[in-house]
Amino acid sequence: KIQTIQYARENKVPFLGICLGMQLSMVEYARNDKKSVYHQDFLDATDRIVGGLEKKNKLITIKEKTTVAYHEAGHATVGWMLEHAFPLVKVTIVPRGQSLGAAWYLPEERMLVSKQQMLDEMCATLGGRAAEKVSFDVITTGALSDLEKVMKQARAMVMIYGLSDKIGNVSYYDPQGQGFTKPYSEKTAHIIDEEISKIIEEQYKRAIDVIEKNKSKLNELAELLLEKEVIFGDDLTRIFGERPFVKSPIAISNSKKKEAELKLKAKENSKKNTEEE
């Protein structure tokens, strides 16, 4: 129980409470006639809520599965090597819902986001397509959601947050969502389109560079993913080593404080259980 709660707190698992409780009770209890909930039950239920139903009967070819493995390994590799990309929690190539694979990350609680942070996130998002290109010299339609995400981020950088050198400190944010007329000229619209394309292309090339420099480790990670179908952050640490970035003193302090709190809580619960016995 303590491990499950700790996992949820550290990885900010969404949809806890009623939804997850119902999922656990309905799926694990009713189908498997279980009398207790274990850590793996928690993970399975979370996977189902976040990723959808597992498609056990979904037929995909070995080539497709390999492509998915390298795609997801590409996300993990690029994200691991960039300072501001969110750290990996889990990668899977088990088909769920409409997806053939997925990568989970641990978002930081940021009140403000810098330009470099946004660029690192975009680069990591394009790591999947970059891995396909470097590994097979082919790109597939599997990057659709990735392209949608980076397009939205690049557009926000240019049009909302004033993070484009060419457009400058201007925001075309429309809080009312009325957008019937553009508050800029056709010439500016052309510059906006060019800037968005430029940002995305630069981060794609950057992702390819990271993949090429870490190709042997990418291959090892993808092969492990093909073997196990699900891997975690510990697997990346074993292959890549610790992320090459130093945490800030505040982050280290908060991490140690949280660790101490969890240990104290576990000790108190253990003592309480002993007294009850």
C-alpha atoms as a PDB file:
ATOM      1  CA  LYS A   1       0.000   0.000   0.000  1.00  0.00           C
ATOM      2  CA  ILE A   2       2.807   2.412   0.937  1.00  0.00           C
ATOM      3  CA  GLN A   3       4.620   1.654  -2.346  1.00  0.00           C
ATOM      4  CA  THR A   4       1.461   2.304  -4.340  1.00  0.00           C
ATOM      5  CA  ILE A   5       0.782   5.647  -2.648  1.00  0.00           C
ATOM      6  CA  GLN A   6       4.430   6.634  -3.031  1.00  0.00           C
ATOM      7  CA  TYR A   7       4.333   5.751  -6.756  1.00  0.00           C
ATOM      8  CA  ALA A   8       1.207   7.854  -7.223  1.00  0.00           C
ATOM      9  CA  ARG A   9       2.667  10.849  -5.398  1.00  0.00           C
ATOM     10  CA  GLU A  10       6.057  10.760  -7.121  1.00  0.00           C
ATOM     11  CA  ASN A  11       4.646  10.202 -10.608  1.00  0.00           C
ATOM     12  CA  LYS A  12       1.593  12.461 -10.259  1.00  0.00           C
ATOM     13  CA  VAL A  13      -0.702   9.710 -11.514  1.00  0.00           C
ATOM     14  CA  PRO A  14      -3.955  11.306 -12.727  1.00  0.00           C
ATOM     15  CA  PHE A  15      -7.507  10.246 -12.061  1.00  0.00           C
ATOM     16  CA  LEU A  16      -6.958   8.982  -8.529  1.00  0.00           C
ATOM     17  CA  GLY A  17      -9.813   8.646  -6.109  1.00  0.00           C
ATOM     18  CA  ILE A  18     -13.280   7.661  -7.298  1.00  0.00           C
ATOM     19  CA  CYS A  19     -12.405   6.846 -10.913  1.00  0.00           C
ATOM     20  CA  LEU A  20      -9.412   4.705 -10.044  1.00  0.00           C
ATOM     21  CA  GLY A  21     -11.203   3.053  -7.143  1.00  0.00           C
ATOM     22  CA  MET A  22     -14.125   2.101  -9.375  1.00  0.00           C
ATOM     23  CA  GLN A  23     -11.742   0.811 -12.023  1.00  0.00           C
ATOM     24  CA  LEU A  24      -9.900  -1.340  -9.527  1.00  0.00           C
ATOM     25  CA  SER A  25     -13.051  -2.729  -7.962  1.00  0.00           C
ATOM     26  CA  MET A  26     -14.902  -3.376 -11.206  1.00  0.00           C
ATOM     27  CA  VAL A  27     -12.026  -4.848 -13.177  1.00  0.00           C
ATOM     28  CA  GLU A  28      -9.792  -6.585 -10.664  1.00  0.00           C
ATOM     29  CA  TYR A  29     -12.365  -7.716  -8.128  1.00  0.00           C
ATOM     30  CA  ALA A  30     -15.188  -8.781 -10.424  1.00  0.00           C
ATOM     31  CA  ARG A  31     -13.142 -10.391 -13.179  1.00  0.00           C
ATOM     32  CA  ASN A  32     -10.441 -12.049 -11.100  1.00  0.00           C
ATOM     33  CA  ASP A  33     -12.304 -12.555  -7.824  1.00  0.00           C
ATOM     34  CA  LYS A  34      -9.481 -10.886  -5.908  1.00  0.00           C
ATOM     35  CA  LYS A  35      -9.680 -10.073  -2.225  1.00  0.00           C
ATOM     36  CA  SER A  36      -6.785  -7.618  -2.132  1.00  0.00           C
ATOM     37  CA  VAL A  37      -5.415  -4.852  -4.325  1.00  0.00           C
ATOM     38  CA  TYR A  38      -1.731  -5.058  -5.160  1.00  0.00           C
ATOM     39  CA  HIS A  39       0.778  -2.616  -6.655  1.00  0.00           C
ATOM     40  CA  GLN A  40       0.478  -4.184 -10.126  1.00  0.00           C
ATOM     41  CA  ASP A  41      -3.321  -3.871  -9.971  1.00  0.00           C
ATOM     42  CA  PHE A  42      -2.869  -0.146  -9.393  1.00  0.00           C
ATOM     43  CA  LEU A  43      -0.516   0.151 -12.390  1.00  0.00           C
ATOM     44  CA  ASP A  44      -2.848  -1.869 -14.631  1.00  0.00           C
ATOM     45  CA  ALA A  45      -5.847   0.255 -13.679  1.00  0.00           C
ATOM     46  CA  THR A  46      -3.930   3.475 -14.259  1.00  0.00           C
ATOM     47  CA  ASP A  47      -2.797   2.229 -17.677  1.00  0.00           C
ATOM     48  CA  ARG A  48      -6.374   1.479 -18.605  1.00  0.00           C
ATOM     49  CA  ILE A  49      -7.696   4.864 -17.508  1.00  0.00           C
ATOM     50  CA  VAL A  50      -4.915   6.886 -19.147  1.00  0.00           C
ATOM     51  CA  GLY A  51      -4.247   4.784 -22.250  1.00  0.00           C
ATOM     52  CA  GLY A  52      -7.510   2.954 -22.821  1.00  0.00           C
ATOM     53  CA  LEU A  53      -8.306  -0.733 -23.043  1.00  0.00           C
ATOM     54  CA  GLU A  54      -5.447  -3.070 -23.825  1.00  0.00           C
ATOM     55  CA  LYS A  55      -5.888  -4.434 -27.345  1.00  0.00           C
ATOM     56  CA  LYS A  56      -4.704  -8.003 -26.765  1.00  0.00           C
ATOM     57  CA  ASN A  57      -6.158  -9.194 -30.055  1.00  0.00           C
ATOM     58  CA  LYS A  58      -4.830  -6.294 -32.133  1.00  0.00           C
ATOM     59  CA  LEU A  59      -2.691  -7.807 -34.858  1.00  0.00           C
ATOM     60  CA  ILE A  60       0.397  -5.868 -35.868  1.00  0.00           C
ATOM     61  CA  THR A  61       3.317  -7.104 -37.930  1.00  0.00           C
ATOM     62  CA  ILE A  62       6.838  -7.605 -36.569  1.00  0.00           C
ATOM     63  CA  LYS A  63       7.952  -4.675 -38.729  1.00  0.00           C
ATOM     64  CA  GLU A  64       5.263  -2.414 -37.252  1.00  0.00           C
ATOM     65  CA  LYS A  65       6.082  -3.496 -33.704  1.00  0.00           C
ATOM     66  CA  THR A  66       9.777  -2.828 -34.308  1.00  0.00           C
ATOM     67  CA  THR A  67       8.992   0.616 -35.719  1.00  0.00           C
ATOM     68  CA  VAL A  68       6.839   1.437 -32.682  1.00  0.00           C
ATOM     69  CA  ALA A  69       9.610   0.253 -30.332  1.00  0.00           C
ATOM     70  CA  TYR A  70      12.201   2.475 -32.000  1.00  0.00           C
ATOM     71  CA  HIS A  71       9.737   5.375 -32.123  1.00  0.00           C
ATOM     72  CA  GLU A  72       9.035   5.216 -28.389  1.00  0.00           C
ATOM     73  CA  ALA A  73      12.709   4.584 -27.617  1.00  0.00           C
ATOM     74  CA  GLY A  74      13.457   7.723 -29.625  1.00  0.00           C
ATOM     75  CA  HIS A  75      11.203   9.817 -27.382  1.00  0.00           C
ATOM     76  CA  ALA A  76      12.882   8.348 -24.314  1.00  0.00           C
ATOM     77  CA  THR A  77      16.424   8.823 -25.645  1.00  0.00           C
ATOM     78  CA  VAL A  78      16.044  12.457 -26.690  1.00  0.00           C
ATOM     79  CA  GLY A  79      14.115  13.355 -23.540  1.00  0.00           C
ATOM     80  CA  TRP A  80      16.789  11.756 -21.367  1.00  0.00           C
ATOM     81  CA  MET A  81      19.558  13.799 -22.971  1.00  0.00           C
ATOM     82  CA  LEU A  82      17.854  17.207 -22.805  1.00  0.00           C
ATOM     83  CA  GLU A  83      17.982  19.207 -19.592  1.00  0.00           C
ATOM     84  CA  HIS A  84      14.486  20.676 -19.690  1.00  0.00           C
ATOM     85  CA  ALA A  85      12.581  17.711 -21.123  1.00  0.00           C
ATOM     86  CA  PHE A  86      10.360  15.933 -18.609  1.00  0.00           C
ATOM     87  CA  PRO A  87      12.000  12.799 -17.105  1.00  0.00           C
ATOM     88  CA  LEU A  88      10.655   9.457 -18.254  1.00  0.00           C
ATOM     89  CA  VAL A  89       8.466   7.320 -16.019  1.00  0.00           C
ATOM     90  CA  LYS A  90       7.419   4.504 -18.328  1.00  0.00           C
ATOM     91  CA  VAL A  91       7.445   3.413 -21.984  1.00  0.00           C
ATOM     92  CA  THR A  92       5.203   0.727 -23.448  1.00  0.00           C
ATOM     93  CA  ILE A  93       4.548  -0.831 -26.843  1.00  0.00           C
ATOM     94  CA  VAL A  94       1.412  -2.608 -25.640  1.00  0.00           C
ATOM     95  CA  PRO A  95      -1.448  -1.405 -27.891  1.00  0.00           C
ATOM     96  CA  ARG A  96      -4.095   0.515 -25.958  1.00  0.00           C
ATOM     97  CA  GLY A  97      -7.038   2.426 -27.356  1.00  0.00           C
ATOM     98  CA  GLN A  98      -6.003   3.951 -30.667  1.00  0.00           C
ATOM     99  CA  SER A  99      -2.305   3.921 -29.775  1.00  0.00           C
ATOM    100  CA  LEU A 100       0.308   1.266 -30.572  1.00  0.00           C
ATOM    101  CA  GLY A 101       2.666   2.600 -27.917  1.00  0.00           C
ATOM    102  CA  ALA A 102       3.103   5.386 -25.407  1.00  0.00           C
ATOM    103  CA  ALA A 103       5.645   7.121 -23.205  1.00  0.00           C
ATOM    104  CA  TRP A 104       4.816   8.559 -19.784  1.00  0.00           C
ATOM    105  CA  TYR A 105       6.734  11.476 -18.350  1.00  0.00           C
ATOM    106  CA  LEU A 106       6.882  13.220 -14.993  1.00  0.00           C
ATOM    107  CA  PRO A 107       5.944  16.874 -15.546  1.00  0.00           C
ATOM    108  CA  GLU A 108       7.529  19.452 -13.297  1.00  0.00           C
ATOM    109  CA  GLU A 109       5.325  21.938 -11.484  1.00  0.00           C
ATOM    110  CA  ARG A 110       6.300  25.028 -13.452  1.00  0.00           C
ATOM    111  CA  MET A 111       4.689  28.390 -12.893  1.00  0.00           C
ATOM    112  CA  LEU A 112       6.763  29.966 -15.656  1.00  0.00           C
ATOM    113  CA  VAL A 113       8.172  28.305 -18.778  1.00  0.00           C
ATOM    114  CA  SER A 114      11.260  29.552 -20.592  1.00  0.00           C
ATOM    115  CA  LYS A 115      11.858  29.439 -24.329  1.00  0.00           C
ATOM    116  CA  GLN A 116      14.536  26.757 -23.906  1.00  0.00           C
ATOM    117  CA  GLN A 117      12.181  24.596 -21.864  1.00  0.00           C
ATOM    118  CA  MET A 118       9.572  24.729 -24.617  1.00  0.00           C
ATOM    119  CA  LEU A 119      12.198  23.925 -27.267  1.00  0.00           C
ATOM    120  CA  ASP A 120      13.485  20.928 -25.278  1.00  0.00           C
ATOM    121  CA  GLU A 121       9.954  19.580 -24.882  1.00  0.00           C
ATOM    122  CA  MET A 122       9.322  19.959 -28.619  1.00  0.00           C
ATOM    123  CA  CYS A 123      12.617  18.272 -29.451  1.00  0.00           C
ATOM    124  CA  ALA A 124      11.790  15.295 -27.216  1.00  0.00           C
ATOM    125  CA  THR A 125       8.340  15.059 -28.807  1.00  0.00           C
ATOM    126  CA  LEU A 126       9.972  14.823 -32.241  1.00  0.00           C
ATOM    127  CA  GLY A 127      12.410  12.182 -30.980  1.00  0.00           C
ATOM    128  CA  GLY A 128      10.113   9.383 -32.140  1.00  0.00           C
ATOM    129  CA  ARG A 129      10.061  10.459 -35.774  1.00  0.00           C
ATOM    130  CA  ALA A 130      13.793  11.228 -35.628  1.00  0.00           C
ATOM    131  CA  ALA A 131      14.492   7.678 -34.418  1.00  0.00           C
ATOM    132  CA  GLU A 132      12.473   6.240 -37.319  1.00  0.00           C
ATOM    133  CA  LYS A 133      14.435   8.348 -39.808  1.00  0.00           C
ATOM    134  CA  VAL A 134      17.870   7.523 -38.376  1.00  0.00           C
ATOM    135  CA  SER A 135      17.157   3.817 -37.806  1.00  0.00           C
ATOM    136  CA  PHE A 136      15.213   2.931 -40.956  1.00  0.00           C
ATOM    137  CA  ASP A 137      15.541   5.996 -43.215  1.00  0.00           C
ATOM    138  CA  VAL A 138      11.726   5.958 -43.317  1.00  0.00           C
ATOM    139  CA  ILE A 139       9.095   8.011 -41.514  1.00  0.00           C
ATOM    140  CA  THR A 140       5.562   6.789 -40.794  1.00  0.00           C
ATOM    141  CA  THR A 141       2.169   8.165 -39.823  1.00  0.00           C
ATOM    142  CA  GLY A 142       2.812   7.138 -36.203  1.00  0.00           C
ATOM    143  CA  ALA A 143       3.963  10.658 -35.347  1.00  0.00           C
ATOM    144  CA  LEU A 144       0.556  12.280 -35.943  1.00  0.00           C
ATOM    145  CA  SER A 145      -0.134  13.207 -32.322  1.00  0.00           C
ATOM    146  CA  ASP A 146       3.487  14.343 -31.917  1.00  0.00           C
ATOM    147  CA  LEU A 147       3.195  16.692 -34.893  1.00  0.00           C
ATOM    148  CA  GLU A 148      -0.081  18.089 -33.579  1.00  0.00           C
ATOM    149  CA  LYS A 149       1.544  18.756 -30.216  1.00  0.00           C
ATOM    150  CA  VAL A 150       4.660  20.520 -31.549  1.00  0.00           C
ATOM    151  CA  MET A 151       2.566  22.539 -34.008  1.00  0.00           C
ATOM    152  CA  LYS A 152       0.463  23.811 -31.118  1.00  0.00           C
ATOM    153  CA  GLN A 153       3.565  24.598 -29.041  1.00  0.00           C
ATOM    154  CA  ALA A 154       5.376  26.392 -31.875  1.00  0.00           C
ATOM    155  CA  ARG A 155       2.298  28.432 -32.710  1.00  0.00           C
ATOM    156  CA  ALA A 156       1.945  29.429 -29.053  1.00  0.00           C
ATOM    157  CA  MET A 157       5.599  30.479 -28.919  1.00  0.00           C
ATOM    158  CA  VAL A 158       5.225  32.725 -31.954  1.00  0.00           C
ATOM    159  CA  MET A 159       1.682  34.062 -31.621  1.00  0.00           C
ATOM    160  CA  ILE A 160       0.951  34.086 -27.890  1.00  0.00           C
ATOM    161  CA  TYR A 161       4.106  34.237 -25.791  1.00  0.00           C
ATOM    162  CA  GLY A 162       6.231  36.593 -27.903  1.00  0.00           C
ATOM    163  CA  LEU A 163       9.137  34.113 -28.094  1.00  0.00           C
ATOM    164  CA  SER A 164       9.922  34.644 -31.772  1.00  0.00           C
ATOM    165  CA  ASP A 165      12.781  36.965 -32.710  1.00  0.00           C
ATOM    166  CA  LYS A 166      11.135  37.942 -35.996  1.00  0.00           C
ATOM    167  CA  ILE A 167       7.665  38.647 -34.609  1.00  0.00           C
ATOM    168  CA  GLY A 168       9.069  40.183 -31.439  1.00  0.00           C
ATOM    169  CA  ASN A 169       7.336  41.056 -28.171  1.00  0.00           C
ATOM    170  CA  VAL A 170       3.832  40.827 -29.576  1.00  0.00           C
ATOM    171  CA  SER A 171       0.953  38.565 -28.556  1.00  0.00           C
ATOM    172  CA  TYR A 172      -2.026  37.776 -30.755  1.00  0.00           C
ATOM    173  CA  TYR A 173      -3.749  35.862 -27.977  1.00  0.00           C
ATOM    174  CA  ASP A 174      -7.532  35.929 -28.341  1.00  0.00           C
ATOM    175  CA  PRO A 175      -9.052  35.137 -24.906  1.00  0.00           C
ATOM    176  CA  GLN A 176     -12.593  35.393 -26.281  1.00  0.00           C
ATOM    177  CA  GLY A 177     -11.898  32.936 -29.087  1.00  0.00           C
ATOM    178  CA  GLN A 178     -13.765  35.154 -31.517  1.00  0.00           C
ATOM    179  CA  GLY A 179     -11.018  35.005 -34.218  1.00  0.00           C
ATOM    180  CA  PHE A 180     -13.324  36.207 -37.028  1.00  0.00           C
ATOM    181  CA  THR A 181     -10.669  38.623 -38.253  1.00  0.00           C
ATOM    182  CA  LYS A 182      -6.899  38.405 -37.988  1.00  0.00           C
ATOM    183  CA  PRO A 183      -5.323  41.234 -35.967  1.00  0.00           C
ATOM    184  CA  TYR A 184      -2.332  41.235 -38.319  1.00  0.00           C
ATOM    185  CA  SER A 185      -1.572  41.685 -42.013  1.00  0.00           C
ATOM    186  CA  GLU A 186      -1.089  38.993 -44.647  1.00  0.00           C
ATOM    187  CA  LYS A 187       2.614  39.791 -44.621  1.00  0.00           C
ATOM    188  CA  THR A 188       2.775  39.115 -40.882  1.00  0.00           C
ATOM    189  CA  ALA A 189       0.748  35.920 -41.366  1.00  0.00           C
ATOM    190  CA  HIS A 190       3.379  34.735 -43.840  1.00  0.00           C
ATOM    191  CA  ILE A 191       6.164  35.502 -41.352  1.00  0.00           C
ATOM    192  CA  ILE A 192       4.259  33.641 -38.618  1.00  0.00           C
ATOM    193  CA  ASP A 193       3.969  30.545 -40.825  1.00  0.00           C
ATOM    194  CA  GLU A 194       7.675  30.711 -41.658  1.00  0.00           C
ATOM    195  CA  GLU A 195       8.649  31.070 -38.006  1.00  0.00           C
ATOM    196  CA  ILE A 196       6.494  28.124 -36.922  1.00  0.00           C
ATOM    197  CA  SER A 197       7.954  25.887 -39.644  1.00  0.00           C
ATOM    198  CA  LYS A 198      11.479  27.046 -38.793  1.00  0.00           C
ATOM    199  CA  ILE A 199      11.115  26.267 -35.082  1.00  0.00           C
ATOM    200  CA  ILE A 200       9.716  22.786 -35.736  1.00  0.00           C
ATOM    201  CA  GLU A 201      12.357  21.949 -38.354  1.00  0.00           C
ATOM    202  CA  GLU A 202      15.199  23.121 -36.102  1.00  0.00           C
ATOM    203  CA  GLN A 203      13.998  20.923 -33.239  1.00  0.00           C
ATOM    204  CA  TYR A 204      13.557  17.949 -35.579  1.00  0.00           C
ATOM    205  CA  LYS A 205      17.167  18.327 -36.790  1.00  0.00           C
ATOM    206  CA  ARG A 206      18.275  18.697 -33.188  1.00  0.00           C
ATOM    207  CA  ALA A 207      16.447  15.467 -32.275  1.00  0.00           C
ATOM    208  CA  ILE A 208      18.135  13.647 -35.174  1.00  0.00           C
ATOM    209  CA  ASP A 209      21.520  14.867 -33.918  1.00  0.00           C
ATOM    210  CA  VAL A 210      20.824  13.520 -30.411  1.00  0.00           C
ATOM    211  CA  ILE A 211      19.681  10.163 -31.843  1.00  0.00           C
ATOM    212  CA  GLU A 212      22.757   9.833 -34.077  1.00  0.00           C
ATOM    213  CA  LYS A 213      25.086  10.550 -31.139  1.00  0.00           C
ATOM    214  CA  ASN A 214      23.332   7.919 -28.996  1.00  0.00           C
ATOM    215  CA  LYS A 215      22.399   5.372 -31.664  1.00  0.00           C
ATOM    216  CA  SER A 216      23.932   2.338 -29.950  1.00  0.00           C
ATOM    217  CA  LYS A 217      22.049   3.103 -26.733  1.00  0.00           C
ATOM    218  CA  LEU A 218      18.856   3.748 -28.696  1.00  0.00           C
ATOM    219  CA  ASN A 219      19.229   0.291 -30.275  1.00  0.00           C
ATOM    220  CA  GLU A 220      19.763  -1.311 -26.868  1.00  0.00           C
ATOM    221  CA  LEU A 221      16.720   0.453 -25.458  1.00  0.00           C
ATOM    222  CA  ALA A 222      14.514  -0.486 -28.422  1.00  0.00           C
ATOM    223  CA  GLU A 223      15.583  -4.146 -28.223  1.00  0.00           C
ATOM    224  CA  LEU A 224      14.827  -4.187 -24.500  1.00  0.00           C
ATOM    225  CA  LEU A 225      11.424  -2.680 -25.234  1.00  0.00           C
ATOM    226  CA  LEU A 226      10.730  -5.366 -27.855  1.00  0.00           C
ATOM    227  CA  GLU A 227      11.683  -8.011 -25.307  1.00  0.00           C
ATOM    228  CA  LYS A 228       9.808  -6.675 -22.260  1.00  0.00           C
ATOM    229  CA  GLU A 229       7.135  -4.492 -23.953  1.00  0.00           C
ATOM    230  CA  VAL A 230       7.162  -2.195 -20.908  1.00  0.00           C
ATOM    231  CA  ILE A 231      10.203  -0.407 -19.477  1.00  0.00           C
ATOM    232  CA  PHE A 232      10.697   2.171 -16.726  1.00  0.00           C
ATOM    233  CA  GLY A 233      13.040   4.992 -15.815  1.00  0.00           C
ATOM    234  CA  ASP A 234      15.388   2.556 -14.043  1.00  0.00           C
ATOM    235  CA  ASP A 235      15.989   0.779 -17.355  1.00  0.00           C
ATOM    236  CA  LEU A 236      17.079   4.058 -18.945  1.00  0.00           C
ATOM    237  CA  THR A 237      19.390   4.808 -16.028  1.00  0.00           C
ATOM    238  CA  ARG A 238      21.035   1.409 -16.497  1.00  0.00           C
ATOM    239  CA  ILE A 239      21.555   2.003 -20.244  1.00  0.00           C
ATOM    240  CA  PHE A 240      22.326   5.738 -20.349  1.00  0.00           C
ATOM    241  CA  GLY A 241      23.522   6.380 -16.819  1.00  0.00           C
ATOM    242  CA  GLU A 242      22.159   9.214 -14.707  1.00  0.00           C
ATOM    243  CA  ARG A 243      20.799  12.196 -16.622  1.00  0.00           C
ATOM    244  CA  PRO A 244      23.728  14.559 -17.277  1.00  0.00           C
ATOM    245  CA  PHE A 245      22.256  17.510 -15.440  1.00  0.00           C
ATOM    246  CA  VAL A 246      22.709  18.768 -11.895  1.00  0.00           C
ATOM    247  CA  LYS A 247      19.551  19.429  -9.916  1.00  0.00           C
ATOM    248  CA  SER A 248      19.188  22.828  -8.331  1.00  0.00           C
ATOM    249  CA  PRO A 249      19.786  23.021  -4.538  1.00  0.00           C
ATOM    250  CA  ILE A 250      16.060  23.695  -4.060  1.00  0.00           C
ATOM    251  CA  ALA A 251      15.080  20.606  -6.065  1.00  0.00           C
ATOM    252  CA  ILE A 252      17.573  18.442  -4.138  1.00  0.00           C
ATOM    253  CA  SER A 253      16.319  19.827  -0.822  1.00  0.00           C
ATOM    254  CA  ASN A 254      12.679  19.158  -1.731  1.00  0.00           C
ATOM    255  CA  SER A 255      13.532  15.653  -2.942  1.00  0.00           C
ATOM    256  CA  LYS A 256      15.323  14.771   0.299  1.00  0.00           C
ATOM    257  CA  LYS A 257      12.502  16.267   2.346  1.00  0.00           C
ATOM    258  CA  LYS A 258       9.914  14.178   0.488  1.00  0.00           C
ATOM    259  CA  GLU A 259      12.035  11.037   0.904  1.00  0.00           C
ATOM    260  CA  ALA A 260      12.366  11.659   4.638  1.00  0.00           C
ATOM    261  CA  GLU A 261       8.610  12.230   4.985  1.00  0.00           C
ATOM    262  CA  LEU A 262       7.826   8.949   3.195  1.00  0.00           C
ATOM    263  CA  LYS A 263      10.296   7.002   5.345  1.00  0.00           C
ATOM    264  CA  LEU A 264       8.829   8.507   8.524  1.00  0.00           C
ATOM    265  CA  LYS A 265       5.296   7.682   7.402  1.00  0.00           C
ATOM    266  CA  ALA A 266       6.268   4.099   6.573  1.00  0.00           C
ATOM    267  CA  LYS A 267       7.924   3.763   9.980  1.00  0.00           C
ATOM    268  CA  GLU A 268       4.833   5.120  11.768  1.00  0.00           C
ATOM    269  CA  ASN A 269       2.539   2.739   9.870  1.00  0.00           C
ATOM    270  CA  SER A 270       4.821  -0.201  10.660  1.00  0.00           C
ATOM    271  CA  LYS A 271       4.816   0.726  14.356  1.00  0.00           C
ATOM    272  CA  LYS A 272       1.029   1.113  14.334  1.00  0.00           C
ATOM    273  CA  ASN A 273       0.533  -2.306  12.735  1.00  0.00           C
ATOM    274  CA  THR A 274       2.862  -3.907  15.310  1.00  0.00           C
ATOM    275  CA  GLU A 275       0.931  -2.340  18.205  1.00  0.00           C
ATOM    276  CA  GLU A 276      -2.384  -3.553  16.775  1.00  0.00           C
ATOM    277  CA  GLU A 277      -1.046  -7.096  16.532  1.00  0.00           C
END
